[in-house]
Each structure stands twice: as structure tokens, then as C-alpha cells.
């Protein structure tokens, strides 16, 4: 008995390639969509961080710690993001004011100690904790395909604004 190799024809090879493409193409498409979503999330986080930094700088320069500070900070973020973060993307802006950095950390002030009363009064500079929540839609239908509840992601930025006390020689 001799082993005969069956002749392969072009039709059977094209059929195999088509079947392999049918299995590989959805995986490749999903991989591209995942890469696009990660790029969108990274760009949103970076643009939001840069916009918040710029808004806080403008906030500090304008000395706009008044009643409309949250709306001013929101508008400064929108202006600094070059149109990438819009008003509807900024879900929450919270500005908490504290008497000092120590009060923000929950520690006791040095006012209790009699010997450091003068030092405590000079170190009690105000501090603010700024929290901004951004919610942005995904750009591909991948989240709907994977049955996520929402079609968006949320990111929270926190910034502390204060003046560090100067040490005297």
C-alpha cells in the first residue's frame, strides 16, 4: 500500500481562509474597539487633569473664592479643555474650605499648646479641597455589546489648594 496525498484544490483552500477570517475578524474588531476606548479614557483623564490644573491656576489668580466659585471653576475647566470636556460632562464640582491644612487632615491645631500659640496663628492659612467628577460617553458600541449598565465612564479629580506655612529662621 502506498500513501497517496490527496490533491488540494483552490476552492478548498479559499474555503478554509474564509472560515478562519469569520472567526478572527470579530476578535480583531473587538480588540480595536477596546484600544479605542482605552485611548478615549486616557485622553479624557489627561485633558480633564490639565483643564483642572489650569482652572485652579485661574481660580487662584482671580481670587474667586466667592459664592459662585463652583460655577467659575466649571466654566474655567470647559474653557481650558479646548472643547474636549463640555459643561454636560462635568457632573459635580465641590469646593470645601478648611481653616488650615491641619484641619483638613483632621488633626488638632497647635492652639491647645500654650508655648506654640504664636506659631499656630501664623500657620493657620486656609486650605481648599476641590473635587470634580467627569462623566463621558464611550465612543464605540462595545459597552452595549458587553451589556454594561451605562454607556459612559466616570472619573473623579481631587485637588488640594493651600499655601504652605513659611518657616521662620
N, C-alpha and C. Protein backbone atom coordinates (compact mmCIF):
# COMPACT_ATOMS: atom_id res chain seq x y z
N UNK A 1 0.83 -1.18 0.00
CA UNK A 1 0.00 0.00 0.00
C UNK A 1 0.87 1.24 0.00
N UNK A 2 0.52 2.12 -0.80
CA UNK A 2 1.24 3.38 -0.89
C UNK A 2 0.37 4.50 -0.32
N UNK A 3 1.03 5.40 0.35
CA UNK A 3 0.30 6.55 0.88
C UNK A 3 0.19 7.60 -0.21
N UNK A 4 -1.00 7.88 -0.56
CA UNK A 4 -1.24 8.91 -1.56
C UNK A 4 -1.68 10.19 -0.86
N UNK A 5 -1.09 11.25 -1.27
CA UNK A 5 -1.51 12.56 -0.76
C UNK A 5 -2.63 13.04 -1.66
N UNK A 6 -3.70 13.40 -0.99
CA UNK A 6 -4.85 13.86 -1.76
C UNK A 6 -4.54 15.22 -2.37
N UNK A 7 -4.89 15.41 -3.58
CA UNK A 7 -4.63 16.71 -4.21
C UNK A 7 -5.55 17.77 -3.58
N UNK A 8 -4.98 18.94 -3.31
CA UNK A 8 -5.77 20.05 -2.78
C UNK A 8 -6.08 20.99 -3.92
N UNK A 9 -7.27 21.45 -3.92
CA UNK A 9 -7.64 22.40 -4.97
C UNK A 9 -7.81 23.79 -4.36
N UNK A 10 -7.93 24.77 -5.22
CA UNK A 10 -8.01 26.15 -4.79
C UNK A 10 -9.29 26.44 -4.02
N UNK A 11 -10.37 25.80 -4.37
CA UNK A 11 -11.65 26.05 -3.70
C UNK A 11 -11.59 25.66 -2.24
N UNK A 12 -10.98 24.55 -1.93
CA UNK A 12 -10.93 24.12 -0.53
C UNK A 12 -10.02 25.04 0.28
N UNK A 13 -8.94 25.56 -0.32
CA UNK A 13 -8.06 26.48 0.41
C UNK A 13 -8.75 27.82 0.65
N UNK A 14 -9.51 28.30 -0.31
CA UNK A 14 -10.25 29.55 -0.11
C UNK A 14 -11.33 29.38 0.94
N UNK A 15 -11.94 28.25 0.99
CA UNK A 15 -12.96 27.99 2.00
C UNK A 15 -12.38 27.99 3.40
N UNK A 16 -11.19 27.43 3.55
CA UNK A 16 -10.53 27.41 4.85
C UNK A 16 -10.18 28.84 5.27
N UNK A 17 -9.68 29.63 4.35
CA UNK A 17 -9.33 31.02 4.66
C UNK A 17 -10.58 31.82 5.04
N UNK A 18 -11.68 31.57 4.38
CA UNK A 18 -12.92 32.28 4.70
C UNK A 18 -13.42 31.92 6.09
N UNK A 19 -13.35 30.65 6.44
CA UNK A 19 -13.80 30.22 7.76
C UNK A 19 -12.89 30.80 8.84
N UNK A 20 -11.60 30.82 8.62
CA UNK A 20 -10.67 31.41 9.58
C UNK A 20 -10.93 32.91 9.73
N UNK A 21 -11.20 33.59 8.64
CA UNK A 21 -11.49 35.02 8.69
C UNK A 21 -12.78 35.29 9.47
N UNK A 22 -13.77 34.44 9.31
CA UNK A 22 -15.03 34.61 10.04
C UNK A 22 -14.79 34.51 11.55
N UNK A 23 -13.90 33.66 11.98
CA UNK A 23 -13.62 33.54 13.40
C UNK A 23 -12.67 34.64 13.91
N UNK A 24 -11.75 35.07 13.09
CA UNK A 24 -10.74 36.04 13.52
C UNK A 24 -11.23 37.48 13.45
N UNK A 25 -12.06 37.82 12.48
CA UNK A 25 -12.47 39.20 12.28
C UNK A 25 -13.21 39.80 13.48
N UNK A 26 -14.17 39.14 14.10
CA UNK A 26 -14.82 39.75 15.27
C UNK A 26 -13.86 39.99 16.43
N UNK A 27 -12.91 39.09 16.60
CA UNK A 27 -11.92 39.28 17.67
C UNK A 27 -11.06 40.50 17.37
N UNK A 28 -10.65 40.67 16.14
CA UNK A 28 -9.85 41.83 15.77
C UNK A 28 -10.65 43.13 15.91
N UNK A 29 -11.90 43.10 15.51
CA UNK A 29 -12.74 44.30 15.63
C UNK A 29 -12.93 44.67 17.10
N UNK A 30 -13.17 43.69 17.96
CA UNK A 30 -13.32 43.98 19.39
C UNK A 30 -12.01 44.50 19.98
N UNK A 31 -10.89 43.95 19.55
CA UNK A 31 -9.59 44.43 20.05
C UNK A 31 -9.37 45.89 19.66
N UNK A 32 -9.71 46.26 18.45
CA UNK A 32 -9.57 47.65 18.00
C UNK A 32 -10.51 48.55 18.81
N UNK A 33 -11.74 48.10 19.06
CA UNK A 33 -12.68 48.90 19.84
C UNK A 33 -12.20 49.08 21.28
N UNK A 34 -11.61 48.04 21.87
CA UNK A 34 -11.08 48.15 23.23
C UNK A 34 -9.93 49.14 23.27
N UNK A 35 -9.05 49.10 22.28
CA UNK A 35 -7.93 50.04 22.21
C UNK A 35 -8.45 51.47 22.07
N UNK A 36 -9.48 51.66 21.25
CA UNK A 36 -10.06 52.99 21.08
C UNK A 36 -10.69 53.50 22.38
N UNK A 37 -11.35 52.61 23.11
CA UNK A 37 -11.97 53.02 24.37
C UNK A 37 -10.91 53.38 25.41
N UNK A 38 -9.84 52.59 25.51
CA UNK A 38 -8.77 52.92 26.44
C UNK A 38 -8.11 54.25 26.07
N UNK A 39 -7.94 54.50 24.79
CA UNK A 39 -7.37 55.77 24.34
C UNK A 39 -8.31 56.92 24.69
N UNK A 40 -9.61 56.72 24.52
CA UNK A 40 -10.59 57.75 24.87
C UNK A 40 -10.57 58.03 26.37
N UNK A 41 -10.51 56.98 27.17
CA UNK A 41 -10.47 57.16 28.63
C UNK A 41 -9.19 57.88 29.05
N UNK A 42 -8.06 57.48 28.49
CA UNK A 42 -6.79 58.11 28.83
C UNK A 42 -6.78 59.58 28.42
N UNK A 43 -7.30 59.87 27.23
CA UNK A 43 -7.34 61.26 26.76
C UNK A 43 -8.27 62.10 27.63
N UNK A 44 -9.40 61.53 28.02
CA UNK A 44 -10.33 62.25 28.89
C UNK A 44 -9.69 62.55 30.25
N UNK A 45 -9.00 61.56 30.82
CA UNK A 45 -8.36 61.76 32.11
C UNK A 45 -7.26 62.82 32.01
N UNK A 46 -6.44 62.74 30.98
CA UNK A 46 -5.36 63.72 30.81
C UNK A 46 -5.88 65.12 30.53
N UNK A 47 -6.87 65.24 29.64
CA UNK A 47 -7.43 66.55 29.32
C UNK A 47 -8.15 67.14 30.53
N UNK A 48 -8.86 66.30 31.27
CA UNK A 48 -9.55 66.77 32.47
C UNK A 48 -8.56 67.24 33.52
N UNK A 49 -7.48 66.49 33.69
CA UNK A 49 -6.45 66.88 34.67
C UNK A 49 -5.80 68.20 34.28
N UNK A 50 -5.45 68.34 33.02
CA UNK A 50 -4.84 69.59 32.55
C UNK A 50 -5.83 70.75 32.67
N UNK A 51 -7.10 70.50 32.36
CA UNK A 51 -8.11 71.55 32.46
C UNK A 51 -8.33 71.95 33.92
N UNK A 52 -8.32 70.98 34.82
CA UNK A 52 -8.48 71.30 36.24
C UNK A 52 -7.27 72.08 36.76
N UNK A 53 -6.07 71.68 36.36
CA UNK A 53 -4.88 72.43 36.77
C UNK A 53 -4.96 73.88 36.32
N UNK A 54 -5.34 74.07 35.07
CA UNK A 54 -5.45 75.43 34.52
C UNK A 54 -6.57 76.20 35.20
N UNK A 55 -7.69 75.55 35.47
CA UNK A 55 -8.81 76.21 36.14
C UNK A 55 -8.44 76.61 37.56
N UNK A 56 -7.69 75.77 38.25
CA UNK A 56 -7.27 76.10 39.62
C UNK A 56 -6.28 77.25 39.59
N UNK A 57 -5.39 77.28 38.60
CA UNK A 57 -4.47 78.42 38.47
C UNK A 57 -5.25 79.71 38.24
N UNK A 58 -6.23 79.65 37.36
CA UNK A 58 -7.07 80.83 37.09
C UNK A 58 -7.87 81.20 38.33
N UNK A 59 -8.35 80.18 39.04
CA UNK A 59 -9.10 80.35 40.28
C UNK A 59 -8.24 81.09 41.30
N UNK A 60 -6.99 80.70 41.41
CA UNK A 60 -6.07 81.33 42.38
C UNK A 60 -5.73 82.75 41.95
N UNK A 61 -5.50 82.97 40.65
CA UNK A 61 -5.14 84.31 40.17
C UNK A 61 -6.29 85.30 40.31
N UNK A 62 -7.51 84.83 40.01
CA UNK A 62 -8.68 85.71 40.09
C UNK A 62 -9.14 85.91 41.52
N UNK A 63 -8.65 85.06 42.44
CA UNK A 63 -9.07 85.09 43.84
C UNK A 63 -10.60 85.00 43.91
N UNK A 64 -11.16 84.06 43.13
CA UNK A 64 -12.61 83.92 43.04
C UNK A 64 -13.13 82.83 43.97
N UNK A 65 -12.89 83.00 45.26
CA UNK A 65 -13.35 82.04 46.24
C UNK A 65 -14.71 82.43 46.79
N UNK A 66 -15.50 83.10 46.03
CA UNK A 66 -16.79 83.59 46.49
C UNK A 66 -17.90 82.56 46.39
N UNK A 67 -19.12 83.08 46.30
CA UNK A 67 -20.30 82.21 46.27
C UNK A 67 -20.40 81.40 44.98
N UNK A 68 -20.02 82.00 43.87
CA UNK A 68 -20.12 81.31 42.58
C UNK A 68 -18.82 80.64 42.18
N UNK A 69 -18.04 80.20 43.15
CA UNK A 69 -16.74 79.60 42.87
C UNK A 69 -16.88 78.31 42.08
N UNK A 70 -17.89 77.51 42.39
CA UNK A 70 -18.07 76.24 41.68
C UNK A 70 -18.41 76.46 40.22
N UNK A 71 -19.29 77.41 39.93
CA UNK A 71 -19.63 77.67 38.53
C UNK A 71 -18.46 78.31 37.79
N UNK A 72 -17.68 79.15 38.48
CA UNK A 72 -16.50 79.75 37.84
C UNK A 72 -15.46 78.68 37.54
N UNK A 73 -15.25 77.75 38.48
CA UNK A 73 -14.30 76.66 38.26
C UNK A 73 -14.76 75.77 37.11
N UNK A 74 -16.06 75.48 37.07
CA UNK A 74 -16.63 74.67 35.99
C UNK A 74 -16.40 75.33 34.63
N UNK A 75 -16.68 76.63 34.54
CA UNK A 75 -16.50 77.34 33.28
C UNK A 75 -15.03 77.42 32.88
N UNK A 76 -14.15 77.62 33.85
CA UNK A 76 -12.71 77.66 33.55
C UNK A 76 -12.22 76.30 33.05
N UNK A 77 -12.76 75.21 33.60
CA UNK A 77 -12.38 73.87 33.11
C UNK A 77 -12.82 73.67 31.67
N UNK A 78 -14.03 74.09 31.36
CA UNK A 78 -14.54 73.94 29.99
C UNK A 78 -13.69 74.76 29.03
N UNK A 79 -13.34 75.97 29.43
CA UNK A 79 -12.52 76.83 28.57
C UNK A 79 -11.11 76.27 28.38
N UNK A 80 -10.55 75.66 29.42
CA UNK A 80 -9.17 75.17 29.36
C UNK A 80 -9.04 73.81 28.69
N UNK A 81 -10.14 73.12 28.44
CA UNK A 81 -10.06 71.77 27.87
C UNK A 81 -10.08 71.75 26.35
N UNK A 82 -10.08 72.90 25.73
CA UNK A 82 -10.07 73.01 24.27
C UNK A 82 -11.27 72.30 23.64
N UNK A 83 -12.41 72.34 24.31
CA UNK A 83 -13.63 71.77 23.78
C UNK A 83 -13.79 70.28 24.01
N UNK A 84 -12.84 69.64 24.64
CA UNK A 84 -12.95 68.19 24.86
C UNK A 84 -13.87 67.85 26.02
N UNK A 85 -13.83 68.65 27.08
CA UNK A 85 -14.74 68.48 28.21
C UNK A 85 -15.78 69.58 28.12
N UNK A 86 -17.04 69.18 28.07
CA UNK A 86 -18.14 70.14 27.94
C UNK A 86 -18.86 70.29 29.27
N UNK A 87 -19.73 71.27 29.35
CA UNK A 87 -20.49 71.52 30.59
C UNK A 87 -21.26 70.28 31.03
N UNK A 88 -21.87 69.57 30.08
CA UNK A 88 -22.68 68.40 30.45
C UNK A 88 -21.82 67.22 30.91
N UNK A 89 -20.52 67.24 30.61
CA UNK A 89 -19.62 66.19 31.09
C UNK A 89 -19.21 66.37 32.55
N UNK A 90 -19.25 67.59 33.03
CA UNK A 90 -18.88 67.86 34.42
C UNK A 90 -20.11 67.64 35.29
N UNK A 91 -20.11 66.54 36.02
CA UNK A 91 -21.28 66.14 36.79
C UNK A 91 -21.34 66.87 38.12
N UNK A 92 -20.20 66.96 38.80
CA UNK A 92 -20.19 67.50 40.15
C UNK A 92 -18.92 68.30 40.37
N UNK A 93 -19.07 69.47 40.98
CA UNK A 93 -17.93 70.28 41.40
C UNK A 93 -18.17 70.61 42.87
N UNK A 94 -17.21 70.26 43.71
CA UNK A 94 -17.33 70.50 45.14
C UNK A 94 -16.08 71.20 45.63
N UNK A 95 -16.27 72.32 46.33
CA UNK A 95 -15.16 73.06 46.91
C UNK A 95 -15.40 73.15 48.42
N UNK A 96 -14.53 72.50 49.19
CA UNK A 96 -14.64 72.52 50.64
C UNK A 96 -13.53 73.41 51.18
N UNK A 97 -13.90 74.32 52.07
CA UNK A 97 -12.92 75.22 52.66
C UNK A 97 -12.60 74.77 54.08
N UNK A 98 -11.32 74.83 54.42
CA UNK A 98 -10.84 74.47 55.75
C UNK A 98 -10.02 75.61 56.31
N UNK A 99 -9.94 75.67 57.62
CA UNK A 99 -9.18 76.74 58.27
C UNK A 99 -7.69 76.60 58.04
N UNK A 100 -7.21 75.35 57.92
CA UNK A 100 -5.79 75.11 57.70
C UNK A 100 -5.61 73.72 57.11
N UNK A 101 -4.38 73.43 56.71
CA UNK A 101 -4.08 72.08 56.22
C UNK A 101 -4.25 71.05 57.33
N UNK A 102 -3.92 71.44 58.54
CA UNK A 102 -4.06 70.53 59.67
C UNK A 102 -5.54 70.21 59.92
N UNK A 103 -6.40 71.21 59.80
CA UNK A 103 -7.83 70.99 59.99
C UNK A 103 -8.39 70.11 58.88
N UNK A 104 -7.86 70.24 57.68
CA UNK A 104 -8.33 69.40 56.58
C UNK A 104 -7.94 67.95 56.81
N UNK A 105 -6.78 67.72 57.41
CA UNK A 105 -6.33 66.37 57.69
C UNK A 105 -6.99 65.76 58.90
N UNK A 106 -7.79 66.55 59.62
CA UNK A 106 -8.48 66.02 60.78
C UNK A 106 -7.65 66.06 62.04
N UNK A 107 -6.45 66.64 61.98
CA UNK A 107 -5.58 66.72 63.14
C UNK A 107 -5.97 67.88 64.03
N UNK A 108 -5.39 67.92 65.19
CA UNK A 108 -5.65 69.02 66.11
C UNK A 108 -4.70 70.16 65.78
N UNK A 109 -5.17 71.36 66.02
CA UNK A 109 -4.31 72.51 65.78
C UNK A 109 -3.42 72.71 67.00
N UNK A 110 -2.40 73.48 66.82
CA UNK A 110 -1.45 73.74 67.91
C UNK A 110 -1.95 74.80 68.87
N UNK A 111 -3.18 75.25 68.71
CA UNK A 111 -3.70 76.28 69.60
C UNK A 111 -3.86 75.76 71.03
N UNK A 112 -3.94 74.45 71.19
CA UNK A 112 -4.07 73.87 72.53
C UNK A 112 -2.80 74.03 73.33
N UNK A 113 -1.69 74.05 72.66
CA UNK A 113 -0.41 74.19 73.36
C UNK A 113 -0.11 75.67 73.57
N UNK A 114 0.16 76.05 74.82
CA UNK A 114 0.39 77.46 75.11
C UNK A 114 1.70 77.97 74.53
N UNK A 115 2.72 77.11 74.48
CA UNK A 115 4.03 77.56 74.01
C UNK A 115 4.08 77.76 72.51
N UNK A 116 3.17 77.19 71.76
CA UNK A 116 3.22 77.34 70.29
C UNK A 116 2.02 78.10 69.76
N UNK A 117 1.44 78.98 70.59
CA UNK A 117 0.25 79.71 70.17
C UNK A 117 0.57 80.70 69.06
N UNK A 118 1.70 81.38 69.14
CA UNK A 118 2.08 82.34 68.10
C UNK A 118 2.38 81.64 66.79
N UNK A 119 3.03 80.48 66.87
CA UNK A 119 3.36 79.70 65.67
C UNK A 119 2.09 79.19 65.00
N UNK A 120 1.11 78.77 65.77
CA UNK A 120 -0.14 78.23 65.22
C UNK A 120 -0.91 79.32 64.50
N UNK A 121 -0.92 80.53 65.05
CA UNK A 121 -1.67 81.60 64.39
C UNK A 121 -1.03 81.99 63.07
N UNK A 122 0.29 81.86 62.96
CA UNK A 122 0.94 82.19 61.70
C UNK A 122 0.82 81.05 60.68
N UNK A 123 0.59 79.82 61.14
CA UNK A 123 0.49 78.68 60.23
C UNK A 123 -0.94 78.35 59.83
N UNK A 124 -1.92 79.04 60.37
CA UNK A 124 -3.31 78.77 60.03
C UNK A 124 -3.69 79.47 58.74
N UNK A 125 -3.17 78.99 57.67
CA UNK A 125 -3.52 79.51 56.35
C UNK A 125 -4.65 78.66 55.81
N UNK A 126 -5.61 79.26 55.10
CA UNK A 126 -6.76 78.48 54.63
C UNK A 126 -6.37 77.44 53.58
N UNK A 127 -7.19 76.40 53.48
CA UNK A 127 -6.98 75.33 52.50
C UNK A 127 -8.33 74.97 51.88
N UNK A 128 -8.28 74.53 50.64
CA UNK A 128 -9.49 74.12 49.94
C UNK A 128 -9.27 72.75 49.32
N UNK A 129 -10.27 71.92 49.39
CA UNK A 129 -10.27 70.62 48.69
C UNK A 129 -11.27 70.74 47.55
N UNK A 130 -10.77 70.59 46.35
CA UNK A 130 -11.60 70.72 45.15
C UNK A 130 -11.80 69.33 44.57
N UNK A 131 -13.04 68.94 44.39
CA UNK A 131 -13.39 67.64 43.82
C UNK A 131 -14.26 67.86 42.59
N UNK A 132 -13.87 67.23 41.48
CA UNK A 132 -14.62 67.36 40.23
C UNK A 132 -14.87 65.96 39.69
N UNK A 133 -16.12 65.67 39.36
CA UNK A 133 -16.49 64.41 38.72
C UNK A 133 -16.84 64.67 37.27
N UNK A 134 -16.22 63.89 36.39
CA UNK A 134 -16.48 64.00 34.96
C UNK A 134 -17.07 62.68 34.48
N UNK A 135 -18.10 62.77 33.69
CA UNK A 135 -18.73 61.60 33.09
C UNK A 135 -18.72 61.79 31.57
N UNK A 136 -18.18 60.81 30.88
CA UNK A 136 -18.04 60.92 29.42
C UNK A 136 -18.53 59.63 28.78
N UNK A 137 -19.20 59.75 27.65
CA UNK A 137 -19.72 58.58 26.93
C UNK A 137 -18.59 57.80 26.27
N UNK A 138 -18.81 56.48 26.17
CA UNK A 138 -17.90 55.67 25.37
C UNK A 138 -18.12 56.01 23.90
N UNK A 139 -17.10 55.80 23.08
CA UNK A 139 -17.21 56.18 21.68
C UNK A 139 -17.59 55.02 20.77
N UNK A 140 -17.51 53.81 21.26
CA UNK A 140 -17.87 52.64 20.47
C UNK A 140 -19.06 51.93 21.13
N UNK A 141 -19.76 51.09 20.40
CA UNK A 141 -20.89 50.36 21.00
C UNK A 141 -20.46 49.14 21.80
N UNK A 142 -19.20 49.04 22.15
CA UNK A 142 -18.68 47.88 22.86
C UNK A 142 -19.37 47.68 24.21
N UNK A 143 -19.64 48.76 24.92
CA UNK A 143 -20.27 48.63 26.24
C UNK A 143 -21.68 48.07 26.12
N UNK A 144 -22.39 48.43 25.07
CA UNK A 144 -23.73 47.87 24.86
C UNK A 144 -23.64 46.40 24.45
N UNK A 145 -22.61 46.05 23.69
CA UNK A 145 -22.44 44.65 23.30
C UNK A 145 -22.11 43.77 24.50
N UNK A 146 -21.36 44.32 25.45
CA UNK A 146 -20.98 43.58 26.64
C UNK A 146 -21.99 43.72 27.77
N UNK A 147 -23.13 44.38 27.49
CA UNK A 147 -24.25 44.52 28.41
C UNK A 147 -23.88 45.28 29.68
N UNK A 148 -23.10 46.38 29.53
CA UNK A 148 -22.85 47.26 30.67
C UNK A 148 -24.12 48.04 30.96
N UNK A 149 -24.27 48.44 32.20
CA UNK A 149 -25.47 49.17 32.60
C UNK A 149 -25.51 50.56 31.97
N UNK A 150 -24.39 51.26 32.03
CA UNK A 150 -24.30 52.61 31.48
C UNK A 150 -23.42 52.60 30.24
N UNK A 151 -23.61 53.59 29.41
CA UNK A 151 -22.78 53.75 28.23
C UNK A 151 -21.78 54.88 28.44
N UNK A 152 -21.33 55.05 29.68
CA UNK A 152 -20.36 56.10 29.98
C UNK A 152 -19.46 55.67 31.12
N UNK A 153 -18.39 56.41 31.30
CA UNK A 153 -17.49 56.17 32.42
C UNK A 153 -17.35 57.45 33.21
N UNK A 154 -16.98 57.32 34.47
CA UNK A 154 -16.85 58.47 35.34
C UNK A 154 -15.47 58.48 35.97
N UNK A 155 -14.93 59.67 36.13
CA UNK A 155 -13.62 59.83 36.74
C UNK A 155 -13.69 60.99 37.72
N UNK A 156 -13.02 60.84 38.86
CA UNK A 156 -13.01 61.88 39.90
C UNK A 156 -11.61 62.46 40.05
N UNK A 157 -11.55 63.79 40.03
CA UNK A 157 -10.32 64.52 40.25
C UNK A 157 -10.41 65.17 41.63
N UNK A 158 -9.32 65.13 42.37
CA UNK A 158 -9.25 65.83 43.64
C UNK A 158 -8.00 66.68 43.66
N UNK A 159 -8.15 67.89 44.11
CA UNK A 159 -7.04 68.84 44.15
C UNK A 159 -7.09 69.56 45.49
N UNK A 160 -5.95 69.74 46.09
CA UNK A 160 -5.85 70.49 47.33
C UNK A 160 -5.15 71.80 47.01
N UNK A 161 -5.78 72.87 47.43
CA UNK A 161 -5.23 74.21 47.18
C UNK A 161 -4.99 74.87 48.52
N UNK A 162 -3.74 75.20 48.77
CA UNK A 162 -3.39 75.85 50.03
C UNK A 162 -2.05 76.53 49.87
N UNK A 163 -1.73 77.29 50.86
CA UNK A 163 -0.44 77.94 50.92
C UNK A 163 0.31 77.30 52.07
N UNK A 164 1.47 76.78 51.79
CA UNK A 164 2.25 76.14 52.85
C UNK A 164 2.81 77.19 53.79
N UNK A 165 2.82 76.90 55.07
CA UNK A 165 3.35 77.88 56.02
C UNK A 165 4.85 78.07 55.83
N UNK A 166 5.27 79.28 56.01
CA UNK A 166 6.69 79.63 55.88
C UNK A 166 7.37 79.40 57.23
N UNK A 167 8.48 78.72 57.21
CA UNK A 167 9.23 78.53 58.44
C UNK A 167 10.12 79.72 58.68
N UNK A 168 10.11 80.17 59.90
CA UNK A 168 10.94 81.32 60.25
C UNK A 168 12.27 80.84 60.79
N UNK A 169 13.32 81.54 60.48
CA UNK A 169 14.67 81.17 60.96
C UNK A 169 14.93 81.66 62.35
